Amino acid sequence: MAAARRIAPFIRRTPVVKLDHATGANLQNDVYLKLECLQVSGSFKIRGATNRVKTLEPGRIENGLVAASGGNHGLATAYVAARAGAPATIYMPNNASPLKARPD
């Protein structure tokens, strides 16, 4: 609960939707989807990156953030760093998606 309170001002509250049987799927149980794709970074990874930054001791972020990620975690780390006014270095594999490797 502490992490949820800590990150609440910085992330979107994303909806949970029930998968409609009109999709043609023969579902035995109800299926719900948590739409974290609507998060500012496109995934739930923003939650962990934000929580980590918010638990750092004062002054630690000034030197910047470093992450190694093929995509979603790197995007989240870069976003959190930008919001905090800190530099970020994201190491990505050569085969990372070009969409996730964009410098913007």
PDB file of N, CA and C in Angstrom:
ATOM      1  N   MET A   1       0.805  -1.193   0.000  1.00  0.00           N
ATOM      2  CA  MET A   1       0.000   0.000   0.000  1.00  0.00           C
ATOM      3  C   MET A   1       0.855   1.267   0.000  1.00  0.00           C
ATOM      4  N   ALA A   2       2.003   1.225   0.627  1.00  0.00           N
ATOM      5  CA  ALA A   2       2.863   2.411   0.663  1.00  0.00           C
ATOM      6  C   ALA A   2       3.324   2.772  -0.745  1.00  0.00           C
ATOM      7  N   ALA A   3       3.694   1.772  -1.530  1.00  0.00           N
ATOM      8  CA  ALA A   3       4.137   2.032  -2.901  1.00  0.00           C
ATOM      9  C   ALA A   3       3.003   2.615  -3.730  1.00  0.00           C
ATOM     10  N   ALA A   4       1.806   2.089  -3.575  1.00  0.00           N
ATOM     11  CA  ALA A   4       0.654   2.599  -4.330  1.00  0.00           C
ATOM     12  C   ALA A   4       0.412   4.069  -4.015  1.00  0.00           C
ATOM     13  N   ARG A   5       0.502   4.436  -2.756  1.00  0.00           N
ATOM     14  CA  ARG A   5       0.317   5.841  -2.369  1.00  0.00           C
ATOM     15  C   ARG A   5       1.457   6.710  -2.902  1.00  0.00           C
ATOM     16  N   ARG A   6       2.662   6.164  -2.863  1.00  0.00           N
ATOM     17  CA  ARG A   6       3.840   6.926  -3.282  1.00  0.00           C
ATOM     18  C   ARG A   6       3.782   7.262  -4.778  1.00  0.00           C
ATOM     19  N   ILE A   7       3.329   6.335  -5.592  1.00  0.00           N
ATOM     20  CA  ILE A   7       3.367   6.542  -7.041  1.00  0.00           C
ATOM     21  C   ILE A   7       2.077   7.128  -7.613  1.00  0.00           C
ATOM     22  N   ALA A   8       1.014   7.173  -6.837  1.00  0.00           N
ATOM     23  CA  ALA A   8      -0.295   7.619  -7.344  1.00  0.00           C
ATOM     24  C   ALA A   8      -0.266   8.957  -8.084  1.00  0.00           C
ATOM     25  N   PRO A   9       0.459   9.959  -7.609  1.00  0.00           N
ATOM     26  CA  PRO A   9       0.436  11.242  -8.331  1.00  0.00           C
ATOM     27  C   PRO A   9       1.159  11.216  -9.685  1.00  0.00           C
ATOM     28  N   PHE A  10       1.901  10.158  -9.964  1.00  0.00           N
ATOM     29  CA  PHE A  10       2.772  10.152 -11.133  1.00  0.00           C
ATOM     30  C   PHE A  10       2.349   9.183 -12.236  1.00  0.00           C
ATOM     31  N   ILE A  11       1.365   8.368 -11.972  1.00  0.00           N
ATOM     32  CA  ILE A  11       0.936   7.385 -12.968  1.00  0.00           C
ATOM     33  C   ILE A  11      -0.553   7.541 -13.241  1.00  0.00           C
ATOM     34  N   ARG A  12      -0.999   6.914 -14.309  1.00  0.00           N
ATOM     35  CA  ARG A  12      -2.423   6.925 -14.642  1.00  0.00           C
ATOM     36  C   ARG A  12      -3.118   5.772 -13.943  1.00  0.00           C
ATOM     37  N   ARG A  13      -4.330   6.013 -13.549  1.00  0.00           N
ATOM     38  CA  ARG A  13      -5.173   4.934 -13.025  1.00  0.00           C
ATOM     39  C   ARG A  13      -5.826   4.297 -14.247  1.00  0.00           C
ATOM     40  N   THR A  14      -5.405   3.105 -14.590  1.00  0.00           N
ATOM     41  CA  THR A  14      -5.871   2.460 -15.815  1.00  0.00           C
ATOM     42  C   THR A  14      -7.088   1.575 -15.534  1.00  0.00           C
ATOM     43  N   PRO A  15      -7.976   1.457 -16.523  1.00  0.00           N
ATOM     44  CA  PRO A  15      -9.211   0.695 -16.300  1.00  0.00           C
ATOM     45  C   PRO A  15      -9.006  -0.815 -16.369  1.00  0.00           C
ATOM     46  N   VAL A  16      -9.943  -1.496 -15.747  1.00  0.00           N
ATOM     47  CA  VAL A  16     -10.075  -2.951 -15.878  1.00  0.00           C
ATOM     48  C   VAL A  16     -11.382  -3.170 -16.633  1.00  0.00           C
ATOM     49  N   VAL A  17     -11.313  -3.935 -17.706  1.00  0.00           N
ATOM     50  CA  VAL A  17     -12.516  -4.197 -18.501  1.00  0.00           C
ATOM     51  C   VAL A  17     -12.758  -5.700 -18.590  1.00  0.00           C
ATOM     52  N   LYS A  18     -14.017  -6.043 -18.638  1.00  0.00           N
ATOM     53  CA  LYS A  18     -14.398  -7.447 -18.779  1.00  0.00           C
ATOM     54  C   LYS A  18     -14.418  -7.784 -20.264  1.00  0.00           C
ATOM     55  N   LEU A  19     -13.759  -8.877 -20.627  1.00  0.00           N
ATOM     56  CA  LEU A  19     -13.744  -9.323 -22.013  1.00  0.00           C
ATOM     57  C   LEU A  19     -15.157  -9.744 -22.381  1.00  0.00           C
ATOM     58  N   ASP A  20     -15.674  -9.141 -23.429  1.00  0.00           N
ATOM     59  CA  ASP A  20     -17.047  -9.383 -23.850  1.00  0.00           C
ATOM     60  C   ASP A  20     -17.143 -10.696 -24.617  1.00  0.00           C
ATOM     61  N   HIS A  21     -18.145 -11.468 -24.313  1.00  0.00           N
ATOM     62  CA  HIS A  21     -18.344 -12.735 -25.011  1.00  0.00           C
ATOM     63  C   HIS A  21     -18.693 -12.523 -26.488  1.00  0.00           C
ATOM     64  N   ALA A  22     -19.003 -11.289 -26.861  1.00  0.00           N
ATOM     65  CA  ALA A  22     -19.313 -10.985 -28.252  1.00  0.00           C
ATOM     66  C   ALA A  22     -18.090 -11.121 -29.153  1.00  0.00           C
ATOM     67  N   THR A  23     -16.930 -11.322 -28.568  1.00  0.00           N
ATOM     68  CA  THR A  23     -15.723 -11.489 -29.374  1.00  0.00           C
ATOM     69  C   THR A  23     -15.721 -12.822 -30.109  1.00  0.00           C
ATOM     70  N   GLY A  24     -16.643 -13.696 -29.747  1.00  0.00           N
ATOM     71  CA  GLY A  24     -16.701 -15.001 -30.384  1.00  0.00           C
ATOM     72  C   GLY A  24     -15.946 -16.066 -29.623  1.00  0.00           C
ATOM     73  N   ALA A  25     -15.263 -15.668 -28.570  1.00  0.00           N
ATOM     74  CA  ALA A  25     -14.510 -16.635 -27.778  1.00  0.00           C
ATOM     75  C   ALA A  25     -15.475 -17.454 -26.921  1.00  0.00           C
ATOM     76  N   ASN A  26     -15.201 -18.735 -26.806  1.00  0.00           N
ATOM     77  CA  ASN A  26     -16.008 -19.616 -25.966  1.00  0.00           C
ATOM     78  C   ASN A  26     -15.327 -19.698 -24.602  1.00  0.00           C
ATOM     79  N   LEU A  27     -15.617 -18.727 -23.747  1.00  0.00           N
ATOM     80  CA  LEU A  27     -14.933 -18.620 -22.470  1.00  0.00           C
ATOM     81  C   LEU A  27     -15.683 -19.372 -21.384  1.00  0.00           C
ATOM     82  N   GLN A  28     -14.945 -20.135 -20.585  1.00  0.00           N
ATOM     83  CA  GLN A  28     -15.536 -20.865 -19.467  1.00  0.00           C
ATOM     84  C   GLN A  28     -15.688 -19.974 -18.236  1.00  0.00           C
ATOM     85  N   ASN A  29     -14.803 -19.000 -18.116  1.00  0.00           N
ATOM     86  CA  ASN A  29     -14.800 -18.093 -16.963  1.00  0.00           C
ATOM     87  C   ASN A  29     -14.735 -16.655 -17.450  1.00  0.00           C
ATOM     88  N   ASP A  30     -15.094 -15.743 -16.586  1.00  0.00           N
ATOM     89  CA  ASP A  30     -14.964 -14.335 -16.925  1.00  0.00           C
ATOM     90  C   ASP A  30     -13.488 -13.991 -17.062  1.00  0.00           C
ATOM     91  N   VAL A  31     -13.189 -13.144 -18.021  1.00  0.00           N
ATOM     92  CA  VAL A  31     -11.815 -12.701 -18.253  1.00  0.00           C
ATOM     93  C   VAL A  31     -11.802 -11.178 -18.172  1.00  0.00           C
ATOM     94  N   TYR A  32     -10.886 -10.663 -17.363  1.00  0.00           N
ATOM     95  CA  TYR A  32     -10.748  -9.225 -17.198  1.00  0.00           C
ATOM     96  C   TYR A  32      -9.376  -8.795 -17.681  1.00  0.00           C
ATOM     97  N   LEU A  33      -9.326  -7.631 -18.285  1.00  0.00           N
ATOM     98  CA  LEU A  33      -8.073  -7.087 -18.794  1.00  0.00           C
ATOM     99  C   LEU A  33      -7.752  -5.784 -18.071  1.00  0.00           C
ATOM    100  N   LYS A  34      -6.554  -5.669 -17.558  1.00  0.00           N
ATOM    101  CA  LYS A  34      -6.077  -4.433 -16.940  1.00  0.00           C
ATOM    102  C   LYS A  34      -5.325  -3.693 -18.034  1.00  0.00           C
ATOM    103  N   LEU A  35      -5.817  -2.564 -18.462  1.00  0.00           N
ATOM    104  CA  LEU A  35      -5.296  -1.872 -19.637  1.00  0.00           C
ATOM    105  C   LEU A  35      -4.080  -0.995 -19.321  1.00  0.00           C
ATOM    106  N   GLU A  36      -3.005  -1.637 -18.929  1.00  0.00           N
ATOM    107  CA  GLU A  36      -1.767  -0.918 -18.631  1.00  0.00           C
ATOM    108  C   GLU A  36      -1.128  -0.361 -19.894  1.00  0.00           C
ATOM    109  N   CYS A  37      -1.610  -0.784 -21.057  1.00  0.00           N
ATOM    110  CA  CYS A  37      -1.127  -0.203 -22.306  1.00  0.00           C
ATOM    111  C   CYS A  37      -1.488   1.283 -22.386  1.00  0.00           C
ATOM    112  N   LEU A  38      -2.404   1.749 -21.551  1.00  0.00           N
ATOM    113  CA  LEU A  38      -2.790   3.159 -21.508  1.00  0.00           C
ATOM    114  C   LEU A  38      -1.927   3.973 -20.550  1.00  0.00           C
ATOM    115  N   GLN A  39      -0.977   3.322 -19.907  1.00  0.00           N
ATOM    116  CA  GLN A  39      -0.065   3.988 -18.984  1.00  0.00           C
ATOM    117  C   GLN A  39       0.818   4.950 -19.779  1.00  0.00           C
ATOM    118  N   VAL A  40       1.387   5.950 -19.152  1.00  0.00           N
ATOM    119  CA  VAL A  40       2.178   6.959 -19.858  1.00  0.00           C
ATOM    120  C   VAL A  40       3.350   6.363 -20.630  1.00  0.00           C
ATOM    121  N   SER A  41       3.905   5.282 -20.164  1.00  0.00           N
ATOM    122  CA  SER A  41       5.025   4.653 -20.875  1.00  0.00           C
ATOM    123  C   SER A  41       4.575   3.448 -21.695  1.00  0.00           C
ATOM    124  N   GLY A  42       3.288   3.137 -21.668  1.00  0.00           N
ATOM    125  CA  GLY A  42       2.770   2.029 -22.469  1.00  0.00           C
ATOM    126  C   GLY A  42       2.758   0.688 -21.772  1.00  0.00           C
ATOM    127  N   SER A  43       3.200   0.632 -20.518  1.00  0.00           N
ATOM    128  CA  SER A  43       3.196  -0.638 -19.791  1.00  0.00           C
ATOM    129  C   SER A  43       3.207  -0.392 -18.284  1.00  0.00           C
ATOM    130  N   PHE A  44       3.053  -1.461 -17.548  1.00  0.00           N
ATOM    131  CA  PHE A  44       3.051  -1.380 -16.083  1.00  0.00           C
ATOM    132  C   PHE A  44       4.425  -1.056 -15.516  1.00  0.00           C
ATOM    133  N   LYS A  45       5.465  -1.115 -16.319  1.00  0.00           N
ATOM    134  CA  LYS A  45       6.826  -0.892 -15.828  1.00  0.00           C
ATOM    135  C   LYS A  45       7.016   0.495 -15.208  1.00  0.00           C
ATOM    136  N   ILE A  46       6.181   1.439 -15.592  1.00  0.00           N
ATOM    137  CA  ILE A  46       6.279   2.784 -15.022  1.00  0.00           C
ATOM    138  C   ILE A  46       6.055   2.756 -13.513  1.00  0.00           C
ATOM    139  N   ARG A  47       5.276   1.800 -13.053  1.00  0.00           N
ATOM    140  CA  ARG A  47       4.994   1.703 -11.619  1.00  0.00           C
ATOM    141  C   ARG A  47       6.265   1.397 -10.834  1.00  0.00           C
ATOM    142  N   GLY A  48       7.016   0.414 -11.268  1.00  0.00           N
ATOM    143  CA  GLY A  48       8.247   0.038 -10.576  1.00  0.00           C
ATOM    144  C   GLY A  48       9.324   1.096 -10.680  1.00  0.00           C
ATOM    145  N   ALA A  49       9.460   1.680 -11.874  1.00  0.00           N
ATOM    146  CA  ALA A  49      10.487   2.706 -12.060  1.00  0.00           C
ATOM    147  C   ALA A  49      10.181   3.930 -11.195  1.00  0.00           C
ATOM    148  N   THR A  50       8.924   4.322 -11.154  1.00  0.00           N
ATOM    149  CA  THR A  50       8.544   5.476 -10.331  1.00  0.00           C
ATOM    150  C   THR A  50       8.758   5.187  -8.854  1.00  0.00           C
ATOM    151  N   ASN A  51       8.347   4.018  -8.412  1.00  0.00           N
ATOM    152  CA  ASN A  51       8.519   3.672  -7.009  1.00  0.00           C
ATOM    153  C   ASN A  51       9.993   3.675  -6.623  1.00  0.00           C
ATOM    154  N   ARG A  52      10.828   3.139  -7.474  1.00  0.00           N
ATOM    155  CA  ARG A  52      12.266   3.094  -7.169  1.00  0.00           C
ATOM    156  C   ARG A  52      12.835   4.494  -7.023  1.00  0.00           C
ATOM    157  N   VAL A  53      12.522   5.366  -7.960  1.00  0.00           N
ATOM    158  CA  VAL A  53      13.038   6.732  -7.908  1.00  0.00           C
ATOM    159  C   VAL A  53      12.521   7.460  -6.667  1.00  0.00           C
ATOM    160  N   LYS A  54      11.277   7.248  -6.329  1.00  0.00           N
ATOM    161  CA  LYS A  54      10.694   7.936  -5.179  1.00  0.00           C
ATOM    162  C   LYS A  54      11.214   7.408  -3.839  1.00  0.00           C
ATOM    163  N   THR A  55      11.896   6.272  -3.837  1.00  0.00           N
ATOM    164  CA  THR A  55      12.461   5.744  -2.598  1.00  0.00           C
ATOM    165  C   THR A  55      13.963   6.008  -2.483  1.00  0.00           C
ATOM    166  N   LEU A  56      14.540   6.675  -3.468  1.00  0.00           N
ATOM    167  CA  LEU A  56      15.959   7.014  -3.390  1.00  0.00           C
ATOM    168  C   LEU A  56      16.182   8.107  -2.360  1.00  0.00           C
ATOM    169  N   GLU A  57      17.338   8.071  -1.745  1.00  0.00           N
ATOM    170  CA  GLU A  57      17.710   9.125  -0.803  1.00  0.00           C
ATOM    171  C   GLU A  57      17.871  10.436  -1.567  1.00  0.00           C
ATOM    172  N   PRO A  58      17.555  11.563  -0.933  1.00  0.00           N
ATOM    173  CA  PRO A  58      17.713  12.860  -1.605  1.00  0.00           C
ATOM    174  C   PRO A  58      19.131  13.027  -2.156  1.00  0.00           C
ATOM    175  N   GLY A  59      19.210  13.523  -3.362  1.00  0.00           N
ATOM    176  CA  GLY A  59      20.509  13.745  -3.995  1.00  0.00           C
ATOM    177  C   GLY A  59      21.012  12.588  -4.834  1.00  0.00           C
ATOM    178  N   ARG A  60      20.474  11.388  -4.650  1.00  0.00           N
ATOM    179  CA  ARG A  60      20.965  10.224  -5.402  1.00  0.00           C
ATOM    180  C   ARG A  60      20.639  10.288  -6.892  1.00  0.00           C
ATOM    181  N   ILE A  61      19.536  10.898  -7.241  1.00  0.00           N
ATOM    182  CA  ILE A  61      19.118  10.926  -8.644  1.00  0.00           C
ATOM    183  C   ILE A  61      19.880  11.968  -9.463  1.00  0.00           C
ATOM    184  N   GLU A  62      20.535  12.886  -8.794  1.00  0.00           N
ATOM    185  CA  GLU A  62      21.265  13.953  -9.500  1.00  0.00           C
ATOM    186  C   GLU A  62      22.279  13.404 -10.489  1.00  0.00           C
ATOM    187  N   ASN A  63      22.887  12.277 -10.175  1.00  0.00           N
ATOM    188  CA  ASN A  63      23.884  11.677 -11.066  1.00  0.00           C
ATOM    189  C   ASN A  63      23.247  10.937 -12.228  1.00  0.00           C
ATOM    190  N   GLY A  64      21.933  10.769 -12.186  1.00  0.00           N
ATOM    191  CA  GLY A  64      21.218  10.127 -13.282  1.00  0.00           C
ATOM    192  C   GLY A  64      20.829   8.700 -12.969  1.00  0.00           C
ATOM    193  N   LEU A  65      20.033   8.164 -13.865  1.00  0.00           N
ATOM    194  CA  LEU A  65      19.556   6.783 -13.762  1.00  0.00           C
ATOM    195  C   LEU A  65      20.162   5.956 -14.877  1.00  0.00           C
ATOM    196  N   VAL A  66      20.375   4.684 -14.605  1.00  0.00           N
ATOM    197  CA  VAL A  66      20.903   3.750 -15.591  1.00  0.00           C
ATOM    198  C   VAL A  66      20.012   2.522 -15.586  1.00  0.00           C
ATOM    199  N   ALA A  67      19.673   2.036 -16.775  1.00  0.00           N
ATOM    200  CA  ALA A  67      18.870   0.818 -16.887  1.00  0.00           C
ATOM    201  C   ALA A  67      19.348   0.025 -18.093  1.00  0.00           C
ATOM    202  N   ALA A  68      19.176  -1.268 -18.025  1.00  0.00           N
ATOM    203  CA  ALA A  68      19.425  -2.158 -19.159  1.00  0.00           C
ATOM    204  C   ALA A  68      18.094  -2.816 -19.476  1.00  0.00           C
ATOM    205  N   SER A  69      17.585  -2.559 -20.691  1.00  0.00           N
ATOM    206  CA  SER A  69      16.246  -3.025 -21.015  1.00  0.00           C
ATOM    207  C   SER A  69      16.054  -3.120 -22.509  1.00  0.00           C
ATOM    208  N   GLY A  70      15.286  -4.098 -22.917  1.00  0.00           N
ATOM    209  CA  GLY A  70      14.924  -4.241 -24.319  1.00  0.00           C
ATOM    210  C   GLY A  70      13.721  -3.409 -24.692  1.00  0.00           C
ATOM    211  N   GLY A  71      13.192  -2.628 -23.768  1.00  0.00           N
ATOM    212  CA  GLY A  71      12.051  -1.823 -24.143  1.00  0.00           C
ATOM    213  C   GLY A  71      11.291  -1.170 -23.026  1.00  0.00           C
ATOM    214  N   ASN A  72      10.300  -1.848 -22.464  1.00  0.00           N
ATOM    215  CA  ASN A  72       9.350  -1.214 -21.552  1.00  0.00           C
ATOM    216  C   ASN A  72       9.983  -0.637 -20.287  1.00  0.00           C
ATOM    217  N   HIS A  73      10.892  -1.355 -19.677  1.00  0.00           N
ATOM    218  CA  HIS A  73      11.527  -0.821 -18.472  1.00  0.00           C
ATOM    219  C   HIS A  73      12.407   0.379 -18.824  1.00  0.00           C
ATOM    220  N   GLY A  74      13.090   0.309 -19.937  1.00  0.00           N
ATOM    221  CA  GLY A  74      13.911   1.434 -20.378  1.00  0.00           C
ATOM    222  C   GLY A  74      13.075   2.678 -20.645  1.00  0.00           C
ATOM    223  N   LEU A  75      11.939   2.488 -21.312  1.00  0.00           N
ATOM    224  CA  LEU A  75      11.037   3.618 -21.556  1.00  0.00           C
ATOM    225  C   LEU A  75      10.564   4.225 -20.245  1.00  0.00           C
ATOM    226  N   ALA A  76      10.187   3.378 -19.314  1.00  0.00           N
ATOM    227  CA  ALA A  76       9.698   3.858 -18.024  1.00  0.00           C
ATOM    228  C   ALA A  76      10.794   4.605 -17.272  1.00  0.00           C
ATOM    229  N   THR A  77      11.992   4.070 -17.261  1.00  0.00           N
ATOM    230  CA  THR A  77      13.104   4.711 -16.565  1.00  0.00           C
ATOM    231  C   THR A  77      13.422   6.062 -17.193  1.00  0.00           C
ATOM    232  N   ALA A  78      13.453   6.123 -18.512  1.00  0.00           N
ATOM    233  CA  ALA A  78      13.732   7.389 -19.192  1.00  0.00           C
ATOM    234  C   ALA A  78      12.650   8.418 -18.879  1.00  0.00           C
ATOM    235  N   TYR A  79      11.397   8.000 -18.845  1.00  0.00           N
ATOM    236  CA  TYR A  79      10.288   8.905 -18.546  1.00  0.00           C
ATOM    237  C   TYR A  79      10.398   9.454 -17.123  1.00  0.00           C
ATOM    238  N   VAL A  80      10.640   8.567 -16.171  1.00  0.00           N
ATOM    239  CA  VAL A  80      10.752   8.993 -14.772  1.00  0.00           C
ATOM    240  C   VAL A  80      11.934   9.935 -14.593  1.00  0.00           C
ATOM    241  N   ALA A  81      13.041   9.635 -15.236  1.00  0.00           N
ATOM    242  CA  ALA A  81      14.213  10.506 -15.140  1.00  0.00           C
ATOM    243  C   ALA A  81      13.902  11.892 -15.704  1.00  0.00           C
ATOM    244  N   ALA A  82      13.257  11.931 -16.857  1.00  0.00           N
ATOM    245  CA  ALA A  82      12.911  13.218 -17.462  1.00  0.00           C
ATOM    246  C   ALA A  82      12.000  14.025 -16.550  1.00  0.00           C
ATOM    247  N   ARG A  83      11.020  13.371 -15.947  1.00  0.00           N
ATOM    248  CA  ARG A  83      10.095  14.063 -15.031  1.00  0.00           C
ATOM    249  C   ARG A  83      10.833  14.597 -13.806  1.00  0.00           C
ATOM    250  N   ALA A  84      11.886  13.894 -13.404  1.00  0.00           N
ATOM    251  CA  ALA A  84      12.650  14.308 -12.222  1.00  0.00           C
ATOM    252  C   ALA A  84      13.759  15.297 -12.573  1.00  0.00           C
ATOM    253  N   GLY A  85      13.927  15.574 -13.870  1.00  0.00           N
ATOM    254  CA  GLY A  85      14.979  16.486 -14.291  1.00  0.00           C
ATOM    255  C   GLY A  85      16.364  15.889 -14.194  1.00  0.00           C
ATOM    256  N   ALA A  86      16.441  14.568 -14.312  1.00  0.00           N
ATOM    257  CA  ALA A  86      17.722  13.865 -14.184  1.00  0.00           C
ATOM    258  C   ALA A  86      18.095  13.220 -15.515  1.00  0.00           C
ATOM    259  N   PRO A  87      19.388  13.056 -15.757  1.00  0.00           N
ATOM    260  CA  PRO A  87      19.797  12.347 -16.965  1.00  0.00           C
ATOM    261  C   PRO A  87      19.524  10.846 -16.830  1.00  0.00           C
ATOM    262  N   ALA A  88      19.400  10.183 -17.960  1.00  0.00           N
ATOM    263  CA  ALA A  88      19.204   8.727 -17.947  1.00  0.00           C
ATOM    264  C   ALA A  88      20.038   8.112 -19.057  1.00  0.00           C
ATOM    265  N   THR A  89      20.628   6.982 -18.749  1.00  0.00           N
ATOM    266  CA  THR A  89      21.340   6.174 -19.745  1.00  0.00           C
ATOM    267  C   THR A  89      20.642   4.834 -19.791  1.00  0.00           C
ATOM    268  N   ILE A  90      20.156   4.469 -20.971  1.00  0.00           N
ATOM    269  CA  ILE A  90      19.446   3.212 -21.142  1.00  0.00           C
ATOM    270  C   ILE A  90      20.242   2.358 -22.117  1.00  0.00           C
ATOM    271  N   TYR A  91      20.693   1.207 -21.649  1.00  0.00           N
ATOM    272  CA  TYR A  91      21.411   0.260 -22.494  1.00  0.00           C
ATOM    273  C   TYR A  91      20.404  -0.721 -23.079  1.00  0.00           C
ATOM    274  N   MET A  92      20.422  -0.832 -24.408  1.00  0.00           N
ATOM    275  CA  MET A  92      19.453  -1.696 -25.094  1.00  0.00           C
ATOM    276  C   MET A  92      20.190  -2.680 -25.983  1.00  0.00           C
ATOM    277  N   PRO A  93      19.609  -3.867 -26.178  1.00  0.00           N
ATOM    278  CA  PRO A  93      20.230  -4.825 -27.084  1.00  0.00           C
ATOM    279  C   PRO A  93      20.098  -4.345 -28.533  1.00  0.00           C
ATOM    280  N   ASN A  94      20.946  -4.843 -29.391  1.00  0.00           N
ATOM    281  CA  ASN A  94      20.917  -4.458 -30.802  1.00  0.00           C
ATOM    282  C   ASN A  94      19.600  -4.793 -31.480  1.00  0.00           C
ATOM    283  N   ASN A  95      18.898  -5.810 -30.980  1.00  0.00           N
ATOM    284  CA  ASN A  95      17.660  -6.231 -31.634  1.00  0.00           C
ATOM    285  C   ASN A  95      16.414  -5.608 -30.996  1.00  0.00           C
ATOM    286  N   ALA A  96      16.584  -4.547 -30.237  1.00  0.00           N
ATOM    287  CA  ALA A  96      15.434  -3.873 -29.607  1.00  0.00           C
ATOM    288  C   ALA A  96      14.548  -3.260 -30.692  1.00  0.00           C
ATOM    289  N   SER A  97      13.263  -3.177 -30.397  1.00  0.00           N
ATOM    290  CA  SER A  97      12.311  -2.572 -31.317  1.00  0.00           C
ATOM    291  C   SER A  97      12.711  -1.131 -31.628  1.00  0.00           C
ATOM    292  N   PRO A  98      12.711  -0.745 -32.898  1.00  0.00           N
ATOM    293  CA  PRO A  98      13.041   0.630 -33.240  1.00  0.00           C
ATOM    294  C   PRO A  98      12.110   1.648 -32.564  1.00  0.00           C
ATOM    295  N   LEU A  99      10.867   1.285 -32.339  1.00  0.00           N
ATOM    296  CA  LEU A  99       9.934   2.188 -31.657  1.00  0.00           C
ATOM    297  C   LEU A  99      10.359   2.457 -30.228  1.00  0.00           C
ATOM    298  N   LYS A 100      10.939   1.457 -29.595  1.00  0.00           N
ATOM    299  CA  LYS A 100      11.344   1.619 -28.203  1.00  0.00           C
ATOM    300  C   LYS A 100      12.740   2.220 -28.087  1.00  0.00           C
ATOM    301  N   ALA A 101      13.474   2.246 -29.163  1.00  0.00           N
ATOM    302  CA  ALA A 101      14.839   2.787 -29.149  1.00  0.00           C
ATOM    303  C   ALA A 101      14.889   4.252 -29.538  1.00  0.00           C
ATOM    304  N   ARG A 102      13.751   4.839 -29.889  1.00  0.00           N
ATOM    305  CA  ARG A 102      13.720   6.243 -30.284  1.00  0.00           C
ATOM    306  C   ARG A 102      14.180   7.118 -29.118  1.00  0.00           C
ATOM    307  N   PRO A 103      14.990   8.115 -29.394  1.00  0.00           N
ATOM    308  CA  PRO A 103      15.501   8.973 -28.308  1.00  0.00           C
ATOM    309  C   PRO A 103      14.500   9.966 -27.750  1.00  0.00           C
ATOM    310  N   ASP A 104      13.319  10.089 -28.319  1.00  0.00           N
ATOM    311  CA  ASP A 104      12.347  11.057 -27.799  1.00  0.00           C
ATOM    312  C   ASP A 104      11.538  10.356 -26.782  1.00  0.00           C
TER     313      ASP A 104
END
